[in-house]
């Protein structure tokens, strides 16, 4: 159970847990265990190391690595030093990673072994970077993380920290082709903890185990780790998403709480022999980040025999927003396609085209307001002003509230594609494809996909007397953008549909693929 009155900032989480649960295991990662007392001391060491490296409050620290207990050590340390951790999506292509690190003006970079080569490649293009720390050692050019950490004082710096100070900077895909840095504060995270504790989805029992399987560069992976630590759980951390390993850990550690995106739940359902496994200690599986099919959900309910709870939110809302509780997962309730109701501390409204607040069952843009709403986008006042007006966040999702106040998502206003829980903005993909010498015009859309929910499709117009195959275009994209953004298929047309002013009519391109779905998301 979260005792919110014990926390004045995120840095207080390890302090408090060390004082009451010091000998209890806080983290388990590939056989390595860390107690709460050890985690709090290491957080102080990391904080002192950053301060010795002249990191003043507000400095951006980068983390380029897969899931590890080290991430939460570093995050706890940055919290005590009042600096900001920016975890980089390691699935991005090197030019995209370089952009994020430069945009954040990262001064200290923690790098996992899988990404040493990429780091060496892009370091000459990172003018703000002053130090690189090798998380796994083995690189002569950089200090080894554990050795660097252990050289520092373990005296808690106890810096003054304001609720509005940034704690985390996460990057979300951008409508104009570049990702934006989302600034999340101590106040945002304390509101998130409040929503978890009092919202029916995250009031958990100290000493139980939670599995951290989703990537820590996503708000879901980071959040589950923080919520688990705040409640004195043992966080069992998984390096990569491997369905068989997930099932093994669920059994071996008697996992009680988990969060998976729908694509991972589908994979787990499909593992041979899954129904014979022992999940008797599993109490709740949270899911979100993309819609789930009723078939996948009902199959999982039968297999895991635990409660299921959906959480809908965005990076900009600290991953919080609405919640569909376990009792609403009864098909007879007719709410399985809903995202549930807003948290007690949150508000949702539906806005029409003319700015009017719409009544029940009318589709418009979803607006959200709560204490978990981001401070804004990093060094992008224009984008912040467009997204937040009078304290309301304009989500870009289209939906409606039913007569009981349940939120249903109907479409996406901003053309975003959600594939396997990853957000893909067509503009990013289109910008990469326009560099191909044979392409005259291109539009990228999302089409239904049984495995990933949605798949990226490119619709291409070739230049006169030019030729290019589907394979060539896909290969070109893969060289410039992350693999999950690369089109899975390419259609060739003579012209793209546009209105008289030249605006691309993507709905006309999407319509044939979505006719049978009844809504414009899968």
Protein backbone atom coordinates (compact mmCIF):
# COMPACT_ATOMS: atom_id res chain seq x y z
CA UNK A 1 0.00 0.00 0.00
CA UNK A 2 1.27 3.46 -0.93
CA UNK A 3 1.52 5.87 2.01
CA UNK A 4 1.42 9.08 0.01
CA UNK A 5 1.96 11.31 3.02
CA UNK A 6 5.49 9.86 3.31
CA UNK A 7 6.59 11.24 -0.09
CA UNK A 8 7.30 14.88 -0.86
CA UNK A 9 9.12 14.00 -4.06
CA UNK A 10 10.19 10.91 -6.01
CA UNK A 11 13.53 10.83 -4.19
CA UNK A 12 11.67 10.02 -0.95
CA UNK A 13 10.54 6.62 -2.30
CA UNK A 14 13.81 4.76 -1.67
CA UNK A 15 14.44 6.73 1.53
CA UNK A 16 11.13 5.66 3.01
CA UNK A 17 11.26 2.05 1.88
CA UNK A 18 14.82 1.67 3.16
CA UNK A 19 13.64 2.87 6.58
CA UNK A 20 10.80 0.32 6.87
CA UNK A 21 11.73 -2.49 4.45
CA UNK A 22 15.51 -2.19 4.30
CA UNK A 23 16.25 -5.93 4.17
CA UNK A 24 13.43 -6.74 1.75
CA UNK A 25 14.39 -7.40 -1.90
CA UNK A 26 13.54 -4.40 -4.05
CA UNK A 27 14.82 -5.64 -7.42
CA UNK A 28 15.66 -8.93 -9.07
CA UNK A 29 17.43 -8.98 -12.42
CA UNK A 30 18.98 -12.08 -13.97
CA UNK A 31 19.98 -13.49 -10.60
CA UNK A 32 21.11 -10.17 -9.13
CA UNK A 33 19.15 -9.03 -6.07
CA UNK A 34 19.14 -5.59 -4.47
CA UNK A 35 17.54 -4.79 -1.13
CA UNK A 36 15.79 -1.51 -0.40
CA UNK A 37 18.63 -0.47 1.91
CA UNK A 38 21.17 -1.13 -0.86
CA UNK A 39 19.04 0.65 -3.45
CA UNK A 40 18.77 3.78 -1.32
CA UNK A 41 22.53 3.88 -0.65
CA UNK A 42 23.28 3.38 -4.34
CA UNK A 43 20.86 6.17 -5.22
CA UNK A 44 22.87 8.49 -2.95
CA UNK A 45 26.14 7.34 -4.51
CA UNK A 46 24.86 7.99 -8.03
CA UNK A 47 23.50 11.37 -6.99
CA UNK A 48 26.85 12.36 -5.49
CA UNK A 49 28.67 11.13 -8.58
CA UNK A 50 26.48 13.26 -10.83
CA UNK A 51 26.89 16.28 -8.60
CA UNK A 52 30.69 15.77 -8.56
CA UNK A 53 30.47 15.79 -12.38
CA UNK A 54 28.97 19.29 -12.11
CA UNK A 55 25.39 18.28 -12.91
CA UNK A 56 23.28 21.12 -11.54
CA UNK A 57 19.54 20.71 -10.92
CA UNK A 58 17.69 20.30 -14.20
CA UNK A 59 20.64 18.75 -16.07
CA UNK A 60 19.54 16.05 -18.54
CA UNK A 61 21.04 12.58 -18.11
CA UNK A 62 20.67 9.99 -20.88
CA UNK A 63 20.08 6.24 -20.52
CA UNK A 64 20.59 4.08 -23.60
CA UNK A 65 20.12 0.49 -22.53
CA UNK A 66 17.70 -2.37 -22.26
CA UNK A 67 15.68 -3.11 -19.13
CA UNK A 68 17.88 -3.60 -16.09
CA UNK A 69 17.91 -3.04 -12.36
CA UNK A 70 20.56 -0.43 -13.12
CA UNK A 71 17.95 1.80 -14.76
CA UNK A 72 15.98 2.17 -11.55
CA UNK A 73 19.20 2.72 -9.59
CA UNK A 74 20.11 5.55 -11.94
CA UNK A 75 16.59 6.96 -11.83
CA UNK A 76 16.63 6.92 -8.02
CA UNK A 77 20.01 8.66 -8.12
CA UNK A 78 18.91 11.35 -10.57
CA UNK A 79 15.89 11.97 -8.35
CA UNK A 80 18.15 12.66 -5.36
CA UNK A 81 20.45 14.88 -7.44
CA UNK A 82 17.41 16.75 -8.82
CA UNK A 83 18.52 16.07 -12.37
CA UNK A 84 16.37 14.59 -15.13
CA UNK A 85 16.71 11.15 -16.67
CA UNK A 86 15.87 10.71 -20.36
CA UNK A 87 15.67 7.05 -21.36
CA UNK A 88 16.20 6.62 -25.09
CA UNK A 89 14.19 4.18 -27.17
CA UNK A 90 16.98 1.80 -28.16
CA UNK A 91 14.87 0.51 -31.06
CA UNK A 92 15.44 3.79 -32.88
CA UNK A 93 17.92 4.04 -35.73
CA UNK A 94 21.24 5.80 -34.91
CA UNK A 95 20.21 9.13 -36.50
CA UNK A 96 17.05 9.12 -34.38
CA UNK A 97 18.99 8.33 -31.19
CA UNK A 98 21.39 11.14 -32.01
CA UNK A 99 18.46 13.55 -32.46
CA UNK A 100 16.93 12.65 -29.07
CA UNK A 101 20.22 13.01 -27.19
CA UNK A 102 20.94 16.34 -28.85
CA UNK A 103 17.43 17.63 -28.32
CA UNK A 104 17.62 16.76 -24.61
CA UNK A 105 21.10 18.28 -24.40
CA UNK A 106 22.26 15.19 -22.52
CA UNK A 107 25.48 15.79 -20.58
CA UNK A 108 26.05 12.36 -19.00
CA UNK A 109 25.11 9.18 -20.87
CA UNK A 110 24.72 5.70 -19.36
CA UNK A 111 25.05 3.05 -22.09
CA UNK A 112 24.36 -0.68 -22.13
CA UNK A 113 26.77 -3.07 -23.84
CA UNK A 114 24.41 -3.73 -26.76
CA UNK A 115 24.72 -0.06 -27.75
CA UNK A 116 28.41 0.72 -27.23
CA UNK A 117 29.01 0.70 -31.00
CA UNK A 118 26.15 3.08 -31.70
CA UNK A 119 27.30 5.40 -28.92
CA UNK A 120 30.85 5.54 -30.32
CA UNK A 121 29.36 6.26 -33.74
CA UNK A 122 27.23 9.24 -32.66
CA UNK A 123 29.32 10.78 -29.85
CA UNK A 124 31.17 13.15 -32.23
CA UNK A 125 27.77 14.67 -33.07
CA UNK A 126 26.74 15.25 -29.44
CA UNK A 127 28.29 18.60 -28.44
CA UNK A 128 26.66 18.77 -24.98
CA UNK A 129 27.89 15.32 -23.91
CA UNK A 130 30.64 15.41 -21.27
CA UNK A 131 30.83 11.86 -19.94
CA UNK A 132 29.80 8.33 -20.93
CA UNK A 133 29.43 5.55 -18.36
CA UNK A 134 29.46 1.91 -19.49
CA UNK A 135 26.69 0.09 -17.66
CA UNK A 136 28.17 -3.34 -18.33
CA UNK A 137 31.88 -2.42 -18.38
CA UNK A 138 34.29 -3.74 -20.96
CA UNK A 139 34.92 -0.48 -22.82
CA UNK A 140 38.34 1.03 -22.19
CA UNK A 141 37.19 4.52 -23.17
CA UNK A 142 34.54 4.80 -20.46
CA UNK A 143 34.30 4.09 -16.72
CA UNK A 144 32.39 0.98 -15.66
CA UNK A 145 29.12 1.87 -13.96
CA UNK A 146 29.47 -0.23 -10.81
CA UNK A 147 33.06 0.95 -10.23
CA UNK A 148 32.15 4.59 -10.84
CA UNK A 149 29.12 4.30 -8.53
CA UNK A 150 31.01 2.59 -5.71
CA UNK A 151 33.69 5.32 -5.63
CA UNK A 152 31.11 7.90 -4.59
CA UNK A 153 29.96 8.87 -1.11
CA UNK A 154 26.77 7.18 0.10
CA UNK A 155 25.76 10.19 2.20
CA UNK A 156 22.29 11.31 1.10
CA UNK A 157 22.65 14.80 -0.42
CA UNK A 158 19.13 15.80 0.73
CA UNK A 159 18.84 18.55 -1.86
CA UNK A 160 15.78 20.81 -1.79
CA UNK A 161 13.39 19.58 -4.49
CA UNK A 162 10.23 21.32 -5.67
CA UNK A 163 7.09 19.50 -6.76
CA UNK A 164 7.28 21.22 -10.15
CA UNK A 165 10.88 20.12 -10.78
CA UNK A 166 11.24 17.72 -13.71
CA UNK A 167 12.08 14.13 -12.82
CA UNK A 168 11.74 12.32 -16.14
CA UNK A 169 11.86 13.24 -19.83
CA UNK A 170 10.29 10.77 -22.23
CA UNK A 171 10.18 11.08 -25.98
CA UNK A 172 7.02 10.61 -27.96
CA UNK A 173 6.73 10.46 -31.74
CA UNK A 174 6.11 13.79 -33.39
CA UNK A 175 3.48 14.82 -35.90
CA UNK A 176 6.09 16.78 -37.83
CA UNK A 177 8.65 14.02 -38.05
CA UNK A 178 10.70 14.59 -34.88
CA UNK A 179 9.94 13.18 -31.42
CA UNK A 180 9.10 15.60 -28.62
CA UNK A 181 10.46 15.52 -25.08
CA UNK A 182 7.67 15.14 -22.52
CA UNK A 183 8.54 16.78 -19.19
CA UNK A 184 7.17 14.84 -16.22
CA UNK A 185 7.56 16.31 -12.73
CA UNK A 186 7.62 15.12 -9.15
CA UNK A 187 4.03 16.36 -8.83
CA UNK A 188 3.02 14.31 -11.88
CA UNK A 189 4.43 11.16 -10.36
CA UNK A 190 2.89 11.72 -6.94
CA UNK A 191 -0.47 12.19 -8.66
CA UNK A 192 0.15 8.95 -10.58
CA UNK A 193 0.87 7.16 -7.30
CA UNK A 194 -2.36 8.57 -5.90
CA UNK A 195 -4.33 7.35 -8.91
CA UNK A 196 -2.78 3.89 -8.51
CA UNK A 197 -3.42 3.68 -4.77
CA UNK A 198 -6.96 5.01 -4.85
CA UNK A 199 -8.11 4.08 -8.34
CA UNK A 200 -8.63 0.37 -7.93
CA UNK A 201 -5.72 -0.74 -10.08
CA UNK A 202 -2.52 -0.19 -8.12
CA UNK A 203 -3.06 -0.57 -4.37
CA UNK A 204 -0.68 -3.48 -3.91
CA UNK A 205 0.63 -5.57 -1.05
CA UNK A 206 4.19 -4.94 0.14
CA UNK A 207 6.45 -7.97 -0.17
CA UNK A 208 4.67 -9.35 -3.23
CA UNK A 209 6.33 -9.47 -6.64
CA UNK A 210 5.66 -7.51 -9.81
CA UNK A 211 7.16 -8.18 -13.25
CA UNK A 212 8.64 -5.29 -15.25
CA UNK A 213 8.49 -6.59 -18.82
CA UNK A 214 7.63 -3.50 -20.83
CA UNK A 215 10.56 -1.30 -21.98
CA UNK A 216 11.67 1.31 -19.47
CA UNK A 217 11.80 3.97 -22.19
CA UNK A 218 8.00 3.64 -22.29
CA UNK A 219 5.91 5.25 -19.60
CA UNK A 220 4.30 1.89 -18.77
CA UNK A 221 7.61 0.18 -18.00
CA UNK A 222 8.96 3.08 -15.96
CA UNK A 223 5.67 3.56 -14.11
CA UNK A 224 5.27 -0.04 -13.03
CA UNK A 225 8.78 0.01 -11.62
CA UNK A 226 8.20 3.22 -9.68
CA UNK A 227 4.80 2.12 -8.37
CA UNK A 228 6.27 -1.21 -7.26
CA UNK A 229 9.13 0.47 -5.41
CA UNK A 230 6.77 2.97 -3.80
CA UNK A 231 4.77 0.08 -2.37
CA UNK A 232 7.64 -2.11 -1.20
CA UNK A 233 7.27 -4.81 -3.85
CA UNK A 234 9.96 -7.00 -5.36
CA UNK A 235 10.32 -5.83 -8.95
CA UNK A 236 11.35 -8.72 -11.20
CA UNK A 237 12.90 -7.04 -14.24
CA UNK A 238 13.06 -8.62 -17.68
CA UNK A 239 15.74 -7.50 -20.17
CA UNK A 240 13.71 -8.30 -23.32
CA UNK A 241 10.15 -9.31 -24.02
CA UNK A 242 10.35 -13.09 -24.32
CA UNK A 243 6.99 -14.86 -23.79
CA UNK A 244 8.54 -18.09 -22.51
CA UNK A 245 10.81 -16.26 -20.06
CA UNK A 246 7.85 -14.16 -18.88
CA UNK A 247 5.86 -17.32 -18.12
CA UNK A 248 8.85 -18.86 -16.33
CA UNK A 249 9.28 -15.77 -14.14
CA UNK A 250 5.57 -15.60 -13.36
CA UNK A 251 5.83 -19.09 -11.91
CA UNK A 252 9.29 -18.94 -10.32
CA UNK A 253 8.75 -15.66 -8.46
CA UNK A 254 5.07 -16.16 -7.70
CA UNK A 255 4.35 -12.88 -9.48
CA UNK A 256 1.23 -11.12 -8.23
CA UNK A 257 1.02 -8.04 -10.48
CA UNK A 258 1.92 -7.46 -14.14
CA UNK A 259 1.45 -5.04 -17.02
CA UNK A 260 1.50 -6.17 -20.65
CA UNK A 261 0.50 -4.52 -23.91
CA UNK A 262 -2.14 -6.50 -25.86
CA UNK A 263 0.41 -7.84 -28.37
CA UNK A 264 2.37 -9.45 -25.52
CA UNK A 265 -0.83 -10.96 -24.07
CA UNK A 266 -1.49 -12.48 -27.50
CA UNK A 267 2.03 -13.97 -27.53
CA UNK A 268 1.60 -15.38 -24.02
CA UNK A 269 -1.72 -16.96 -24.99
CA UNK A 270 0.03 -18.74 -27.88
CA UNK A 271 2.92 -20.35 -25.96
CA UNK A 272 2.51 -24.15 -26.06
CA UNK A 273 1.48 -25.56 -22.69
CA UNK A 274 0.60 -22.16 -21.20
CA UNK A 275 -2.69 -23.48 -19.79
CA UNK A 276 -0.82 -26.05 -17.68
CA UNK A 277 1.35 -23.45 -15.93
CA UNK A 278 0.88 -22.44 -12.29
CA UNK A 279 -0.29 -18.83 -12.03
CA UNK A 280 -2.17 -19.30 -8.77
CA UNK A 281 -0.48 -16.28 -7.11
CA UNK A 282 -1.26 -13.94 -10.00
CA UNK A 283 -3.87 -11.42 -8.86
CA UNK A 284 -4.02 -8.80 -11.61
CA UNK A 285 -2.80 -8.15 -15.14
CA UNK A 286 -2.92 -4.53 -16.23
CA UNK A 287 -2.96 -3.79 -19.93
CA UNK A 288 -3.02 -0.72 -22.14
CA UNK A 289 -1.07 1.30 -24.76
CA UNK A 290 -3.26 -0.07 -27.56
CA UNK A 291 -6.73 -1.61 -27.92
CA UNK A 292 -7.22 -5.31 -27.20
CA UNK A 293 -9.50 -7.70 -29.04
CA UNK A 294 -12.23 -9.40 -27.04
CA UNK A 295 -11.00 -12.81 -28.21
CA UNK A 296 -7.48 -12.23 -26.89
CA UNK A 297 -8.79 -10.85 -23.61
CA UNK A 298 -11.25 -13.68 -22.96
CA UNK A 299 -8.65 -16.31 -23.86
CA UNK A 300 -6.17 -14.73 -21.44
CA UNK A 301 -8.79 -14.57 -18.70
CA UNK A 302 -9.39 -18.29 -19.09
CA UNK A 303 -5.64 -19.07 -19.04
CA UNK A 304 -4.42 -16.84 -16.22
CA UNK A 305 -7.57 -16.92 -14.10
CA UNK A 306 -6.86 -13.52 -12.56
CA UNK A 307 -8.32 -10.05 -12.68
CA UNK A 308 -7.72 -7.91 -15.76
CA UNK A 309 -7.71 -4.12 -15.66
CA UNK A 310 -7.20 -1.67 -18.52
CA UNK A 311 -5.45 1.69 -18.03
CA UNK A 312 -5.71 4.30 -20.79
CA UNK A 313 -3.30 7.20 -20.84
CA UNK A 314 -0.57 8.88 -22.85
CA UNK A 315 3.04 9.75 -22.17
CA UNK A 316 1.85 13.34 -21.77
CA UNK A 317 -0.52 12.26 -18.98
CA UNK A 318 2.14 10.18 -17.18
CA UNK A 319 0.43 7.08 -18.56
CA UNK A 320 -2.67 7.70 -16.45
CA UNK A 321 -6.17 8.74 -17.41
CA UNK A 322 -9.03 6.28 -17.33
CA UNK A 323 -9.41 2.78 -15.91
CA UNK A 324 -11.64 -0.16 -16.81
CA UNK A 325 -11.86 -2.22 -13.60
CA UNK A 326 -12.01 -6.02 -13.42
CA UNK A 327 -15.76 -6.10 -12.82
CA UNK A 328 -16.37 -4.39 -16.16
CA UNK A 329 -14.57 -7.19 -18.00
CA UNK A 330 -17.69 -9.33 -17.82
CA UNK A 331 -18.84 -9.46 -21.48
CA UNK A 332 -22.43 -9.06 -20.30
CA UNK A 333 -21.57 -5.52 -19.15
CA UNK A 334 -20.92 -4.46 -22.74
CA UNK A 335 -17.85 -2.41 -21.76
CA UNK A 336 -14.98 -4.49 -23.16
CA UNK A 337 -14.36 -1.97 -25.95
CA UNK A 338 -14.33 0.86 -23.44
CA UNK A 339 -11.30 2.46 -21.76
CA UNK A 340 -13.31 2.82 -18.56
CA UNK A 341 -13.91 5.90 -16.44
CA UNK A 342 -11.60 8.75 -15.41
CA UNK A 343 -9.64 8.48 -12.19
CA UNK A 344 -11.10 10.29 -9.18
CA UNK A 345 -8.52 13.09 -9.56
CA UNK A 346 -8.95 13.35 -13.34
CA UNK A 347 -11.50 14.78 -15.75
CA UNK A 348 -12.36 13.82 -19.33
CA UNK A 349 -14.54 15.76 -21.75
CA UNK A 350 -15.40 15.41 -25.43
CA UNK A 351 -15.00 18.47 -27.63
CA UNK A 352 -16.79 19.07 -30.93
CA UNK A 353 -15.45 20.71 -34.08
CA UNK A 354 -16.73 24.13 -33.01
CA UNK A 355 -15.25 23.90 -29.53
CA UNK A 356 -18.48 22.85 -27.83
CA UNK A 357 -18.59 20.20 -25.10
CA UNK A 358 -20.49 17.26 -26.56
CA UNK A 359 -23.20 15.24 -24.80
CA UNK A 360 -23.08 11.47 -24.28
CA UNK A 361 -22.60 9.21 -27.31
CA UNK A 362 -21.36 11.95 -29.65
CA UNK A 363 -17.85 11.57 -31.12
CA UNK A 364 -15.32 14.36 -30.70
CA UNK A 365 -11.76 14.96 -29.51
CA UNK A 366 -10.90 13.56 -26.07
CA UNK A 367 -9.63 16.18 -23.61
CA UNK A 368 -7.97 15.26 -20.31
CA UNK A 369 -7.11 17.17 -17.14
CA UNK A 370 -5.43 16.02 -13.93
CA UNK A 371 -2.35 16.44 -11.76
CA UNK A 372 -0.57 13.81 -13.85
CA UNK A 373 -0.59 16.06 -16.94
CA UNK A 374 2.92 16.92 -18.12
CA UNK A 375 4.56 20.29 -17.54
CA UNK A 376 4.97 20.60 -21.31
CA UNK A 377 7.23 19.65 -24.20
CA UNK A 378 10.94 20.31 -23.76
CA UNK A 379 11.97 23.53 -25.52
CA UNK A 380 8.87 23.44 -27.71
CA UNK A 381 6.48 26.11 -26.45
CA UNK A 382 4.54 26.09 -29.70
CA UNK A 383 3.68 22.41 -29.45
CA UNK A 384 2.87 22.79 -25.74
CA UNK A 385 0.48 25.67 -26.46
CA UNK A 386 -1.29 23.63 -29.14
CA UNK A 387 -1.68 20.62 -26.86
CA UNK A 388 -2.56 22.24 -23.51
CA UNK A 389 -5.22 24.95 -23.33
CA UNK A 390 -6.69 26.19 -20.06
CA UNK A 391 -5.26 23.16 -18.29
CA UNK A 392 -6.83 20.65 -20.68
CA UNK A 393 -4.73 18.30 -22.80
CA UNK A 394 -5.97 17.74 -26.36
CA UNK A 395 -5.16 14.06 -26.85
CA UNK A 396 -5.63 13.76 -30.61
CA UNK A 397 -7.84 10.72 -30.00
CA UNK A 398 -11.46 10.84 -31.11
CA UNK A 399 -14.04 9.15 -28.93
CA UNK A 400 -17.21 9.50 -26.89
CA UNK A 401 -18.55 9.04 -23.38
CA UNK A 402 -21.53 6.75 -23.04
CA UNK A 403 -24.53 7.38 -20.77
CA UNK A 404 -22.65 5.92 -17.79
CA UNK A 405 -19.52 8.01 -18.35
CA UNK A 406 -17.38 5.24 -19.91
CA UNK A 407 -14.89 6.41 -22.53
CA UNK A 408 -14.82 4.74 -25.94
CA UNK A 409 -12.07 5.53 -28.46
CA UNK A 410 -13.36 5.70 -32.01
CA UNK A 411 -10.52 7.07 -34.13
CA UNK A 412 -7.32 9.10 -34.08
CA UNK A 413 -7.39 12.71 -35.16
CA UNK A 414 -3.62 12.94 -35.60
CA UNK A 415 -3.21 9.95 -37.97
CA UNK A 416 -1.09 8.12 -35.39
CA UNK A 417 -0.59 4.37 -35.85
CA UNK A 418 -0.27 2.09 -32.81
CA UNK A 419 1.57 -1.10 -33.69
CA UNK A 420 2.30 -3.54 -30.89
CA UNK A 421 1.98 -0.74 -28.33
CA UNK A 422 4.48 1.50 -30.16
CA UNK A 423 3.29 4.89 -31.46
CA UNK A 424 4.19 5.62 -35.08
CA UNK A 425 3.44 8.98 -36.65
CA UNK A 426 3.17 8.75 -40.45
CA UNK A 427 5.14 11.97 -40.88
CA UNK A 428 8.28 10.30 -39.52
CA UNK A 429 7.99 7.44 -41.98
CA UNK A 430 7.05 9.69 -44.89
CA UNK A 431 10.07 11.93 -44.25
CA UNK A 432 12.34 8.89 -44.44
CA UNK A 433 10.72 7.59 -47.62
CA UNK A 434 10.80 10.93 -49.43
CA UNK A 435 14.59 10.62 -49.46
CA UNK A 436 14.31 7.68 -51.86
CA UNK A 437 15.29 8.94 -55.34
CA UNK A 438 12.44 7.15 -57.11
CA UNK A 439 9.58 8.39 -54.90
CA UNK A 440 7.56 11.38 -56.03
CA UNK A 441 4.82 11.24 -53.41
CA UNK A 442 4.01 9.02 -50.46
CA UNK A 443 1.39 8.57 -47.76
CA UNK A 444 1.70 6.29 -44.75
CA UNK A 445 -1.36 4.81 -43.08
CA UNK A 446 -2.21 2.19 -40.48
CA UNK A 447 -4.11 -0.91 -41.54
CA UNK A 448 -5.61 -3.68 -39.38
CA UNK A 449 -3.24 -6.45 -38.29
CA UNK A 450 -4.26 -9.48 -36.23
CA UNK A 451 -0.89 -9.76 -34.50
CA UNK A 452 0.17 -6.15 -33.90
CA UNK A 453 -3.23 -4.42 -33.87
CA UNK A 454 -2.16 -2.13 -36.69
CA UNK A 455 0.54 -2.36 -39.32
CA UNK A 456 2.33 0.41 -41.20
CA UNK A 457 1.56 0.63 -44.90
CA UNK A 458 3.14 3.01 -47.43
CA UNK A 459 1.21 4.18 -50.48
CA UNK A 460 3.75 5.35 -53.05
CA UNK A 461 3.73 7.36 -56.27
CA UNK A 462 6.90 6.86 -58.31
CA UNK A 463 8.58 9.54 -60.37
CA UNK A 464 8.18 9.31 -64.16
CA UNK A 465 10.49 6.73 -65.72
CA UNK A 466 11.63 5.57 -62.25
CA UNK A 467 11.16 2.13 -60.72
CA UNK A 468 11.45 0.68 -57.24
CA UNK A 469 10.26 -2.56 -55.70
CA UNK A 470 8.40 -2.99 -52.42
CA UNK A 471 11.50 -4.70 -50.96
CA UNK A 472 13.77 -1.82 -52.01
CA UNK A 473 11.53 0.80 -50.41
CA UNK A 474 11.23 -1.17 -47.18
CA UNK A 475 15.02 -1.64 -47.08
CA UNK A 476 15.53 2.12 -47.61
CA UNK A 477 13.20 2.88 -44.69
CA UNK A 478 14.98 0.40 -42.42
CA UNK A 479 18.27 2.24 -42.94
CA UNK A 480 16.80 5.51 -41.66
CA UNK A 481 14.18 4.78 -39.03
CA UNK A 482 13.46 2.26 -36.27
CA UNK A 483 12.32 -1.20 -37.34
CA UNK A 484 8.86 -0.90 -35.80
CA UNK A 485 8.19 2.20 -37.95
CA UNK A 486 9.21 0.54 -41.21
CA UNK A 487 6.29 -0.22 -43.57
CA UNK A 488 5.23 -3.85 -43.58
CA UNK A 489 3.79 -3.40 -47.07
CA UNK A 490 3.85 -0.95 -49.96
CA UNK A 491 1.10 -0.14 -52.46
CA UNK A 492 1.89 1.67 -55.71
CA UNK A 493 -0.61 4.17 -57.14
CA UNK A 494 -0.54 6.77 -59.93
CA UNK A 495 -1.73 9.60 -57.65
CA UNK A 496 -2.71 10.20 -54.03
CA UNK A 497 -6.17 11.59 -53.23
CA UNK A 498 -6.04 15.29 -52.33
CA UNK A 499 -8.60 18.03 -51.88
CA UNK A 500 -8.59 21.22 -54.02
CA UNK A 501 -6.10 22.89 -51.66
CA UNK A 502 -3.70 19.95 -51.96
CA UNK A 503 -4.37 18.42 -48.53
CA UNK A 504 -3.86 14.68 -48.51
CA UNK A 505 -7.08 12.72 -47.88
CA UNK A 506 -5.78 9.85 -45.80
CA UNK A 507 -9.24 8.76 -44.77
CA UNK A 508 -9.91 7.79 -48.38
CA UNK A 509 -6.76 5.68 -48.38
CA UNK A 510 -7.63 4.05 -45.05
CA UNK A 511 -11.32 3.41 -45.71
CA UNK A 512 -11.09 0.17 -47.74
CA UNK A 513 -9.00 -1.53 -45.06
CA UNK A 514 -11.25 -0.52 -42.14
CA UNK A 515 -14.74 -1.00 -43.58
CA UNK A 516 -15.37 -4.21 -41.66
CA UNK A 517 -14.10 -2.91 -38.31
CA UNK A 518 -16.82 -0.46 -37.31
CA UNK A 519 -14.21 1.95 -35.91
CA UNK A 520 -10.91 3.32 -37.17
CA UNK A 521 -8.62 1.57 -34.66
CA UNK A 522 -7.98 -2.15 -34.23
